[in-house]
Amino acid sequence: MLKFLVAMITMSVSTMLLADVHFQDTVKTTSSTLQKCNETSITVMAFIDVADAAFYLPDCNFLPDIAGEKQLSFYYHRSITSDDFIEASVTLLKRNLTSAEYSKIEDELTRFNANYQDVEDGDLYDIRKTKSGLYLLKNGQQISHSSSIELANFYYQIWFGPKPFNKGMKETLLER
């Protein structure tokens, strides 16, 4: 039991120490520079480290208002399939949008999600909203883009809507 507790403490501490290593302090887009506002670890069952997440805005002083350009970055510590990302995005958007809102973006969401790829330990996904739409980058390479501003606005409901992926993650990333 003592070995288990030491291992859990070591894993927690190493995750906290490594979090700053994975994420840049600023991200340059085609139209602005975004600054890292907050970051957090994502765990399952209180001890399985799945990923770290960081949230970027042009000006973090406006939190919790997240209108405008933004980026949410994930550094993964586990393998996750593209099908899991697609299923989760559809489920969480349906949970956070009205039926009419979801219907408006459904076709564009399907096109955008079709480009998700499996991730392995060490991969990075960036989900970026700019004036020209929604972007998905894997390890710095663009793999999907939607010029639909409506999809870009709604997509962040997955993490910041009334019924988000993880309430604790939402609260931490939106802290001022």
N, C-alpha and C. Protein backbone atom coordinates (compact mmCIF):
# COMPACT_ATOMS: atom_id res chain seq x y z
N MET A 1 0.82 -1.20 0.00
CA MET A 1 0.00 0.00 0.00
C MET A 1 0.86 1.26 0.00
N LEU A 2 1.95 1.24 0.76
CA LEU A 2 2.85 2.39 0.83
C LEU A 2 3.47 2.66 -0.54
N LYS A 3 3.88 1.60 -1.26
CA LYS A 3 4.45 1.78 -2.60
C LYS A 3 3.43 2.42 -3.53
N PHE A 4 2.16 2.01 -3.42
CA PHE A 4 1.11 2.57 -4.25
C PHE A 4 0.94 4.06 -3.97
N LEU A 5 0.92 4.45 -2.69
CA LEU A 5 0.77 5.87 -2.34
C LEU A 5 1.96 6.69 -2.82
N VAL A 6 3.16 6.17 -2.68
CA VAL A 6 4.36 6.88 -3.16
C VAL A 6 4.28 7.04 -4.67
N ALA A 7 3.87 6.00 -5.37
CA ALA A 7 3.74 6.08 -6.83
C ALA A 7 2.70 7.12 -7.24
N MET A 8 1.58 7.18 -6.52
CA MET A 8 0.53 8.15 -6.85
C MET A 8 1.01 9.57 -6.59
N ILE A 9 1.70 9.81 -5.49
CA ILE A 9 2.23 11.14 -5.18
C ILE A 9 3.27 11.53 -6.23
N THR A 10 4.14 10.60 -6.59
CA THR A 10 5.15 10.87 -7.60
C THR A 10 4.51 11.23 -8.93
N MET A 11 3.47 10.48 -9.34
CA MET A 11 2.80 10.76 -10.60
C MET A 11 2.14 12.14 -10.56
N SER A 12 1.50 12.50 -9.47
CA SER A 12 0.85 13.80 -9.34
C SER A 12 1.86 14.93 -9.41
N VAL A 13 2.95 14.79 -8.69
CA VAL A 13 3.97 15.84 -8.68
C VAL A 13 4.61 15.97 -10.05
N SER A 14 4.95 14.87 -10.70
CA SER A 14 5.59 14.96 -12.01
C SER A 14 4.65 15.57 -13.02
N THR A 15 3.36 15.31 -12.92
CA THR A 15 2.39 15.94 -13.82
C THR A 15 2.39 17.44 -13.61
N MET A 16 2.39 17.89 -12.37
CA MET A 16 2.39 19.32 -12.11
C MET A 16 3.67 19.98 -12.60
N LEU A 17 4.79 19.31 -12.45
CA LEU A 17 6.06 19.88 -12.88
C LEU A 17 6.18 19.91 -14.40
N LEU A 18 5.61 18.93 -15.09
CA LEU A 18 5.73 18.86 -16.53
C LEU A 18 4.73 19.75 -17.26
N ALA A 19 3.67 20.17 -16.60
CA ALA A 19 2.62 20.91 -17.28
C ALA A 19 3.15 22.14 -18.00
N ASP A 20 4.04 22.92 -17.37
CA ASP A 20 4.58 24.11 -18.00
C ASP A 20 5.47 23.78 -19.19
N VAL A 21 6.06 22.61 -19.21
CA VAL A 21 6.96 22.23 -20.29
C VAL A 21 6.18 22.02 -21.59
N HIS A 22 4.96 21.54 -21.52
CA HIS A 22 4.19 21.17 -22.70
C HIS A 22 3.57 22.35 -23.43
N PHE A 23 3.28 23.41 -22.76
CA PHE A 23 2.51 24.50 -23.36
C PHE A 23 3.32 25.78 -23.46
N GLN A 24 3.22 26.44 -24.59
CA GLN A 24 3.87 27.72 -24.79
C GLN A 24 3.13 28.78 -23.98
N ASP A 25 3.83 29.86 -23.62
CA ASP A 25 3.18 30.96 -22.91
C ASP A 25 2.30 31.79 -23.83
N THR A 26 2.67 31.87 -25.12
CA THR A 26 1.87 32.59 -26.10
C THR A 26 1.76 31.76 -27.37
N VAL A 27 0.70 32.02 -28.13
CA VAL A 27 0.47 31.36 -29.41
C VAL A 27 0.15 32.46 -30.42
N LYS A 28 0.86 32.46 -31.54
CA LYS A 28 0.60 33.44 -32.59
C LYS A 28 -0.35 32.83 -33.60
N THR A 29 -1.43 33.57 -33.90
CA THR A 29 -2.35 33.16 -34.95
C THR A 29 -2.12 34.12 -36.12
N THR A 30 -2.89 33.96 -37.17
CA THR A 30 -2.73 34.85 -38.32
C THR A 30 -3.15 36.28 -38.02
N SER A 31 -3.96 36.47 -36.98
CA SER A 31 -4.46 37.82 -36.71
C SER A 31 -4.15 38.35 -35.31
N SER A 32 -3.64 37.51 -34.41
CA SER A 32 -3.36 38.01 -33.06
C SER A 32 -2.39 37.08 -32.32
N THR A 33 -2.02 37.51 -31.14
CA THR A 33 -1.22 36.67 -30.24
C THR A 33 -2.09 36.34 -29.04
N LEU A 34 -2.17 35.06 -28.74
CA LEU A 34 -2.97 34.60 -27.61
C LEU A 34 -2.02 34.28 -26.46
N GLN A 35 -2.45 34.61 -25.24
CA GLN A 35 -1.64 34.32 -24.06
C GLN A 35 -2.27 33.18 -23.26
N LYS A 36 -1.42 32.35 -22.68
CA LYS A 36 -1.92 31.25 -21.85
C LYS A 36 -2.52 31.83 -20.58
N CYS A 37 -3.79 31.54 -20.36
CA CYS A 37 -4.49 32.05 -19.18
C CYS A 37 -4.39 31.06 -18.02
N ASN A 38 -4.67 29.79 -18.30
CA ASN A 38 -4.67 28.76 -17.26
C ASN A 38 -4.37 27.41 -17.87
N GLU A 39 -3.98 26.48 -17.02
CA GLU A 39 -3.80 25.10 -17.45
C GLU A 39 -4.18 24.18 -16.30
N THR A 40 -4.49 22.94 -16.66
CA THR A 40 -4.90 21.96 -15.66
C THR A 40 -4.62 20.56 -16.17
N SER A 41 -4.60 19.61 -15.26
CA SER A 41 -4.49 18.20 -15.61
C SER A 41 -5.88 17.61 -15.67
N ILE A 42 -6.05 16.63 -16.53
CA ILE A 42 -7.32 15.91 -16.65
C ILE A 42 -7.06 14.49 -16.20
N THR A 43 -7.76 14.09 -15.15
CA THR A 43 -7.61 12.74 -14.62
C THR A 43 -8.94 12.01 -14.65
N VAL A 44 -8.85 10.70 -14.67
CA VAL A 44 -10.03 9.85 -14.61
C VAL A 44 -9.91 9.03 -13.34
N MET A 45 -11.01 8.84 -12.64
CA MET A 45 -11.04 8.08 -11.38
C MET A 45 -10.03 8.62 -10.38
N ALA A 46 -9.81 9.92 -10.41
CA ALA A 46 -8.97 10.65 -9.46
C ALA A 46 -7.48 10.36 -9.52
N PHE A 47 -7.05 9.39 -10.34
CA PHE A 47 -5.61 9.13 -10.36
C PHE A 47 -5.05 8.72 -11.72
N ILE A 48 -5.87 8.46 -12.71
CA ILE A 48 -5.35 8.10 -14.03
C ILE A 48 -5.20 9.39 -14.83
N ASP A 49 -3.96 9.74 -15.12
CA ASP A 49 -3.63 10.97 -15.82
C ASP A 49 -3.88 10.78 -17.32
N VAL A 50 -4.86 11.51 -17.85
CA VAL A 50 -5.22 11.37 -19.26
C VAL A 50 -4.54 12.43 -20.12
N ALA A 51 -4.57 13.68 -19.65
CA ALA A 51 -4.03 14.77 -20.46
C ALA A 51 -3.84 16.01 -19.60
N ASP A 52 -3.12 16.98 -20.15
CA ASP A 52 -3.05 18.32 -19.59
C ASP A 52 -3.74 19.23 -20.59
N ALA A 53 -4.38 20.29 -20.09
CA ALA A 53 -5.07 21.23 -20.97
C ALA A 53 -4.64 22.65 -20.62
N ALA A 54 -4.55 23.49 -21.65
CA ALA A 54 -4.23 24.91 -21.46
C ALA A 54 -5.20 25.73 -22.30
N PHE A 55 -5.55 26.90 -21.78
CA PHE A 55 -6.51 27.77 -22.45
C PHE A 55 -5.86 29.11 -22.74
N TYR A 56 -6.04 29.58 -23.97
CA TYR A 56 -5.41 30.81 -24.46
C TYR A 56 -6.46 31.81 -24.94
N LEU A 57 -6.23 33.08 -24.62
CA LEU A 57 -7.06 34.20 -25.07
C LEU A 57 -6.16 35.37 -25.42
N PRO A 58 -6.67 36.35 -26.17
CA PRO A 58 -5.88 37.55 -26.42
C PRO A 58 -5.58 38.33 -25.13
N ASP A 59 -6.52 38.30 -24.18
CA ASP A 59 -6.34 39.02 -22.92
C ASP A 59 -7.03 38.24 -21.80
N CYS A 60 -6.25 37.66 -20.93
CA CYS A 60 -6.79 36.82 -19.85
C CYS A 60 -7.54 37.63 -18.79
N ASN A 61 -7.38 38.95 -18.79
CA ASN A 61 -8.06 39.79 -17.80
C ASN A 61 -9.57 39.78 -17.96
N PHE A 62 -10.05 39.32 -19.12
CA PHE A 62 -11.49 39.32 -19.36
C PHE A 62 -12.18 38.02 -18.93
N LEU A 63 -11.41 37.06 -18.43
CA LEU A 63 -12.03 35.81 -17.95
C LEU A 63 -13.07 36.12 -16.89
N PRO A 64 -14.20 35.46 -16.85
CA PRO A 64 -14.55 34.24 -17.58
C PRO A 64 -15.18 34.49 -18.96
N ASP A 65 -15.21 35.72 -19.46
CA ASP A 65 -15.73 35.99 -20.80
C ASP A 65 -14.74 35.42 -21.81
N ILE A 66 -15.21 34.52 -22.67
CA ILE A 66 -14.30 33.88 -23.63
C ILE A 66 -14.71 34.16 -25.08
N ALA A 67 -15.43 35.27 -25.31
CA ALA A 67 -15.83 35.62 -26.67
C ALA A 67 -14.58 35.93 -27.50
N GLY A 68 -14.68 35.73 -28.79
CA GLY A 68 -13.59 36.07 -29.69
C GLY A 68 -12.61 34.93 -29.91
N GLU A 69 -11.40 35.30 -30.34
CA GLU A 69 -10.38 34.31 -30.65
C GLU A 69 -9.93 33.59 -29.38
N LYS A 70 -9.62 32.30 -29.55
CA LYS A 70 -9.20 31.49 -28.41
C LYS A 70 -8.55 30.21 -28.90
N GLN A 71 -7.87 29.54 -27.98
CA GLN A 71 -7.32 28.22 -28.28
C GLN A 71 -7.36 27.38 -27.02
N LEU A 72 -7.73 26.13 -27.20
CA LEU A 72 -7.69 25.14 -26.14
C LEU A 72 -6.72 24.06 -26.60
N SER A 73 -5.70 23.79 -25.79
CA SER A 73 -4.67 22.83 -26.16
C SER A 73 -4.69 21.65 -25.19
N PHE A 74 -4.45 20.47 -25.73
CA PHE A 74 -4.43 19.24 -24.94
C PHE A 74 -3.14 18.49 -25.22
N TYR A 75 -2.42 18.15 -24.17
CA TYR A 75 -1.23 17.31 -24.26
C TYR A 75 -1.62 15.95 -23.66
N TYR A 76 -1.60 14.90 -24.49
CA TYR A 76 -2.13 13.61 -24.08
C TYR A 76 -1.08 12.71 -23.44
N HIS A 77 -1.53 11.99 -22.42
CA HIS A 77 -0.70 11.01 -21.72
C HIS A 77 -1.18 9.59 -21.96
N ARG A 78 -2.18 9.44 -22.80
CA ARG A 78 -2.78 8.14 -23.10
C ARG A 78 -3.17 8.11 -24.57
N SER A 79 -3.33 6.92 -25.10
CA SER A 79 -3.85 6.74 -26.46
C SER A 79 -5.36 6.94 -26.44
N ILE A 80 -5.86 7.66 -27.44
CA ILE A 80 -7.30 7.88 -27.60
C ILE A 80 -7.59 7.78 -29.10
N THR A 81 -8.66 7.08 -29.46
CA THR A 81 -8.97 6.90 -30.88
C THR A 81 -9.73 8.10 -31.43
N SER A 82 -9.64 8.27 -32.73
CA SER A 82 -10.38 9.35 -33.39
C SER A 82 -11.88 9.17 -33.19
N ASP A 83 -12.34 7.92 -33.20
CA ASP A 83 -13.76 7.66 -32.98
C ASP A 83 -14.23 8.15 -31.61
N ASP A 84 -13.36 8.03 -30.60
CA ASP A 84 -13.71 8.51 -29.27
C ASP A 84 -13.86 10.04 -29.26
N PHE A 85 -12.97 10.75 -29.97
CA PHE A 85 -13.08 12.21 -30.05
C PHE A 85 -14.38 12.60 -30.76
N ILE A 86 -14.69 11.93 -31.84
CA ILE A 86 -15.89 12.26 -32.62
C ILE A 86 -17.14 12.00 -31.79
N GLU A 87 -17.21 10.83 -31.17
CA GLU A 87 -18.38 10.49 -30.35
C GLU A 87 -18.55 11.47 -29.20
N ALA A 88 -17.45 11.82 -28.53
CA ALA A 88 -17.54 12.75 -27.40
C ALA A 88 -18.00 14.13 -27.85
N SER A 89 -17.49 14.62 -28.98
CA SER A 89 -17.89 15.96 -29.43
C SER A 89 -19.37 16.00 -29.78
N VAL A 90 -19.85 14.98 -30.45
CA VAL A 90 -21.28 14.94 -30.82
C VAL A 90 -22.14 14.86 -29.56
N THR A 91 -21.80 13.96 -28.65
CA THR A 91 -22.58 13.78 -27.42
C THR A 91 -22.61 15.07 -26.59
N LEU A 92 -21.44 15.69 -26.42
CA LEU A 92 -21.37 16.89 -25.57
C LEU A 92 -22.01 18.11 -26.23
N LEU A 93 -21.93 18.21 -27.54
CA LEU A 93 -22.63 19.32 -28.20
C LEU A 93 -24.14 19.13 -28.13
N LYS A 94 -24.61 17.92 -28.32
CA LYS A 94 -26.06 17.67 -28.18
C LYS A 94 -26.53 17.98 -26.77
N ARG A 95 -25.68 17.72 -25.78
CA ARG A 95 -26.01 17.98 -24.38
C ARG A 95 -26.08 19.47 -24.08
N ASN A 96 -25.28 20.28 -24.79
CA ASN A 96 -25.15 21.70 -24.48
C ASN A 96 -25.87 22.64 -25.43
N LEU A 97 -26.39 22.12 -26.53
CA LEU A 97 -27.09 22.96 -27.50
C LEU A 97 -28.55 22.56 -27.59
N THR A 98 -29.37 23.47 -28.06
CA THR A 98 -30.76 23.11 -28.35
C THR A 98 -30.76 22.24 -29.61
N SER A 99 -31.85 21.57 -29.86
CA SER A 99 -31.97 20.74 -31.08
C SER A 99 -31.81 21.60 -32.32
N ALA A 100 -32.38 22.79 -32.30
CA ALA A 100 -32.29 23.70 -33.45
C ALA A 100 -30.84 24.14 -33.68
N GLU A 101 -30.13 24.46 -32.61
CA GLU A 101 -28.73 24.88 -32.74
C GLU A 101 -27.88 23.73 -33.29
N TYR A 102 -28.09 22.53 -32.75
CA TYR A 102 -27.31 21.38 -33.21
C TYR A 102 -27.59 21.09 -34.69
N SER A 103 -28.85 21.18 -35.09
CA SER A 103 -29.21 20.93 -36.49
C SER A 103 -28.50 21.89 -37.44
N LYS A 104 -28.30 23.13 -37.01
CA LYS A 104 -27.64 24.14 -37.85
C LYS A 104 -26.18 23.78 -38.14
N ILE A 105 -25.52 23.11 -37.19
CA ILE A 105 -24.09 22.82 -37.35
C ILE A 105 -23.78 21.36 -37.66
N GLU A 106 -24.78 20.51 -37.66
CA GLU A 106 -24.53 19.07 -37.74
C GLU A 106 -23.70 18.67 -38.96
N ASP A 107 -24.03 19.13 -40.14
CA ASP A 107 -23.28 18.74 -41.34
C ASP A 107 -21.85 19.25 -41.29
N GLU A 108 -21.68 20.49 -40.88
CA GLU A 108 -20.33 21.06 -40.80
C GLU A 108 -19.52 20.38 -39.70
N LEU A 109 -20.16 20.02 -38.60
CA LEU A 109 -19.49 19.28 -37.52
C LEU A 109 -19.00 17.93 -38.04
N THR A 110 -19.81 17.25 -38.80
CA THR A 110 -19.42 15.95 -39.36
C THR A 110 -18.19 16.10 -40.25
N ARG A 111 -18.17 17.13 -41.10
CA ARG A 111 -17.01 17.37 -41.97
C ARG A 111 -15.76 17.68 -41.13
N PHE A 112 -15.91 18.55 -40.13
CA PHE A 112 -14.78 18.93 -39.28
C PHE A 112 -14.25 17.72 -38.52
N ASN A 113 -15.15 16.96 -37.91
CA ASN A 113 -14.75 15.81 -37.09
C ASN A 113 -14.13 14.68 -37.89
N ALA A 114 -14.43 14.60 -39.17
CA ALA A 114 -13.91 13.51 -40.01
C ALA A 114 -12.39 13.49 -40.06
N ASN A 115 -11.76 14.59 -39.71
CA ASN A 115 -10.31 14.70 -39.80
C ASN A 115 -9.59 14.40 -38.48
N TYR A 116 -10.35 14.10 -37.42
CA TYR A 116 -9.69 13.71 -36.17
C TYR A 116 -8.82 12.49 -36.44
N GLN A 117 -7.72 12.40 -35.73
CA GLN A 117 -6.81 11.26 -35.83
C GLN A 117 -6.60 10.69 -34.43
N ASP A 118 -6.20 9.43 -34.37
CA ASP A 118 -5.85 8.82 -33.09
C ASP A 118 -4.69 9.60 -32.48
N VAL A 119 -4.64 9.65 -31.14
CA VAL A 119 -3.49 10.25 -30.46
C VAL A 119 -2.82 9.19 -29.59
N GLU A 120 -1.54 9.41 -29.38
CA GLU A 120 -0.71 8.55 -28.52
C GLU A 120 -0.15 9.43 -27.40
N ASP A 121 0.44 8.80 -26.43
CA ASP A 121 1.12 9.51 -25.35
C ASP A 121 2.12 10.49 -25.97
N GLY A 122 2.01 11.78 -25.58
CA GLY A 122 2.92 12.80 -26.08
C GLY A 122 2.38 13.64 -27.22
N ASP A 123 1.23 13.27 -27.79
CA ASP A 123 0.64 14.07 -28.86
C ASP A 123 -0.05 15.30 -28.30
N LEU A 124 -0.13 16.32 -29.13
CA LEU A 124 -0.75 17.59 -28.76
C LEU A 124 -1.85 17.93 -29.77
N TYR A 125 -3.04 18.24 -29.26
CA TYR A 125 -4.13 18.76 -30.08
C TYR A 125 -4.39 20.20 -29.68
N ASP A 126 -4.52 21.09 -30.68
CA ASP A 126 -4.92 22.48 -30.46
C ASP A 126 -6.23 22.69 -31.19
N ILE A 127 -7.20 23.27 -30.50
CA ILE A 127 -8.47 23.63 -31.11
C ILE A 127 -8.55 25.14 -31.03
N ARG A 128 -8.48 25.77 -32.19
CA ARG A 128 -8.33 27.22 -32.27
C ARG A 128 -9.49 27.86 -33.02
N LYS A 129 -10.01 28.93 -32.43
CA LYS A 129 -11.04 29.74 -33.09
C LYS A 129 -10.42 31.09 -33.44
N THR A 130 -10.51 31.44 -34.73
CA THR A 130 -10.06 32.74 -35.19
C THR A 130 -11.19 33.39 -35.99
N LYS A 131 -10.91 34.54 -36.55
CA LYS A 131 -11.91 35.23 -37.37
C LYS A 131 -12.26 34.43 -38.62
N SER A 132 -11.39 33.50 -39.00
CA SER A 132 -11.65 32.71 -40.21
C SER A 132 -12.18 31.31 -39.91
N GLY A 133 -12.59 31.05 -38.66
CA GLY A 133 -13.24 29.79 -38.36
C GLY A 133 -12.58 28.98 -37.28
N LEU A 134 -12.80 27.67 -37.36
CA LEU A 134 -12.35 26.71 -36.36
C LEU A 134 -11.25 25.84 -36.96
N TYR A 135 -10.18 25.66 -36.21
CA TYR A 135 -9.04 24.87 -36.67
C TYR A 135 -8.74 23.77 -35.67
N LEU A 136 -8.31 22.62 -36.19
CA LEU A 136 -7.81 21.53 -35.38
C LEU A 136 -6.39 21.25 -35.84
N LEU A 137 -5.45 21.33 -34.89
CA LEU A 137 -4.05 21.07 -35.19
C LEU A 137 -3.58 19.89 -34.34
N LYS A 138 -2.80 19.01 -34.96
CA LYS A 138 -2.20 17.90 -34.23
C LYS A 138 -0.69 18.06 -34.33
N ASN A 139 -0.05 18.18 -33.18
CA ASN A 139 1.39 18.37 -33.12
C ASN A 139 1.86 19.51 -34.02
N GLY A 140 1.06 20.59 -34.02
CA GLY A 140 1.42 21.79 -34.76
C GLY A 140 1.01 21.81 -36.23
N GLN A 141 0.46 20.72 -36.75
CA GLN A 141 0.05 20.64 -38.15
C GLN A 141 -1.47 20.70 -38.25
N GLN A 142 -1.97 21.59 -39.10
CA GLN A 142 -3.42 21.70 -39.28
C GLN A 142 -3.94 20.43 -39.94
N ILE A 143 -4.98 19.84 -39.31
CA ILE A 143 -5.59 18.65 -39.90
C ILE A 143 -7.06 18.86 -40.23
N SER A 144 -7.66 19.94 -39.71
CA SER A 144 -9.04 20.23 -40.04
C SER A 144 -9.30 21.72 -39.91
N HIS A 145 -10.23 22.21 -40.74
CA HIS A 145 -10.64 23.62 -40.68
C HIS A 145 -12.09 23.72 -41.12
N SER A 146 -12.84 24.54 -40.42
CA SER A 146 -14.20 24.90 -40.81
C SER A 146 -14.29 26.41 -40.82
N SER A 147 -14.78 26.96 -41.91
CA SER A 147 -14.95 28.41 -41.97
C SER A 147 -16.26 28.85 -41.33
N SER A 148 -17.02 27.91 -40.80
CA SER A 148 -18.30 28.22 -40.15
C SER A 148 -18.05 28.86 -38.77
N ILE A 149 -18.34 30.14 -38.68
CA ILE A 149 -18.20 30.85 -37.40
C ILE A 149 -19.21 30.30 -36.39
N GLU A 150 -20.36 29.87 -36.89
CA GLU A 150 -21.37 29.29 -35.99
C GLU A 150 -20.84 28.02 -35.33
N LEU A 151 -20.21 27.15 -36.11
CA LEU A 151 -19.61 25.94 -35.53
C LEU A 151 -18.50 26.34 -34.56
N ALA A 152 -17.67 27.29 -34.96
CA ALA A 152 -16.57 27.74 -34.09
C ALA A 152 -17.09 28.25 -32.75
N ASN A 153 -18.18 29.01 -32.78
CA ASN A 153 -18.75 29.53 -31.54
C ASN A 153 -19.34 28.42 -30.68
N PHE A 154 -20.04 27.49 -31.30
CA PHE A 154 -20.69 26.42 -30.55
C PHE A 154 -19.71 25.35 -30.06
N TYR A 155 -18.63 25.10 -30.79
CA TYR A 155 -17.73 23.99 -30.49
C TYR A 155 -17.17 24.06 -29.07
N TYR A 156 -16.92 25.25 -28.59
CA TYR A 156 -16.35 25.41 -27.25
C TYR A 156 -17.34 25.09 -26.14
N GLN A 157 -18.62 24.88 -26.50
CA GLN A 157 -19.60 24.45 -25.51
C GLN A 157 -19.25 23.07 -24.96
N ILE A 158 -18.46 22.32 -25.71
CA ILE A 158 -18.02 21.00 -25.23
C ILE A 158 -17.35 21.13 -23.86
N TRP A 159 -16.51 22.16 -23.71
CA TRP A 159 -15.74 22.35 -22.47
C TRP A 159 -16.27 23.46 -21.57
N PHE A 160 -16.98 24.44 -22.18
CA PHE A 160 -17.38 25.62 -21.41
C PHE A 160 -18.90 25.84 -21.38
N GLY A 161 -19.67 24.89 -21.87
CA GLY A 161 -21.12 25.01 -21.85
C GLY A 161 -21.68 24.72 -20.48
N PRO A 162 -23.00 24.79 -20.34
CA PRO A 162 -23.64 24.53 -19.04
C PRO A 162 -23.45 23.10 -18.54
N LYS A 163 -23.25 22.15 -19.46
CA LYS A 163 -23.00 20.75 -19.10
C LYS A 163 -21.69 20.31 -19.77
N PRO A 164 -20.56 20.81 -19.27
CA PRO A 164 -19.28 20.59 -19.94
C PRO A 164 -18.73 19.18 -19.78
N PHE A 165 -17.70 18.89 -20.54
CA PHE A 165 -16.97 17.62 -20.44
C PHE A 165 -16.56 17.36 -19.00
N ASN A 166 -16.03 18.38 -18.34
CA ASN A 166 -15.57 18.23 -16.96
C ASN A 166 -15.73 19.57 -16.25
N LYS A 167 -16.59 19.62 -15.26
CA LYS A 167 -16.88 20.88 -14.57
C LYS A 167 -15.64 21.46 -13.89
N GLY A 168 -14.83 20.63 -13.26
CA GLY A 168 -13.62 21.10 -12.60
C GLY A 168 -12.64 21.71 -13.59
N MET A 169 -12.51 21.08 -14.75
CA MET A 169 -11.64 21.60 -15.79
C MET A 169 -12.13 22.97 -16.25
N LYS A 170 -13.44 23.07 -16.48
CA LYS A 170 -14.03 24.35 -16.90
C LYS A 170 -13.73 25.43 -15.87
N GLU A 171 -13.98 25.14 -14.61
CA GLU A 171 -13.77 26.15 -13.56
C GLU A 171 -12.30 26.57 -13.47
N THR A 172 -11.39 25.60 -13.56
CA THR A 172 -9.96 25.94 -13.47
C THR A 172 -9.50 26.78 -14.67
N LEU A 173 -9.93 26.40 -15.87
CA LEU A 173 -9.49 27.13 -17.05
C LEU A 173 -10.08 28.53 -17.13
N LEU A 174 -11.23 28.74 -16.49
CA LEU A 174 -11.86 30.07 -16.55
C LEU A 174 -11.55 30.95 -15.33
N GLU A 175 -10.72 30.43 -14.41
CA GLU A 175 -10.35 31.24 -13.23
C GLU A 175 -9.62 32.49 -13.65
N ARG A 176 -9.87 33.54 -12.91
CA ARG A 176 -9.18 34.80 -13.18
C ARG A 176 -8.00 34.97 -12.29
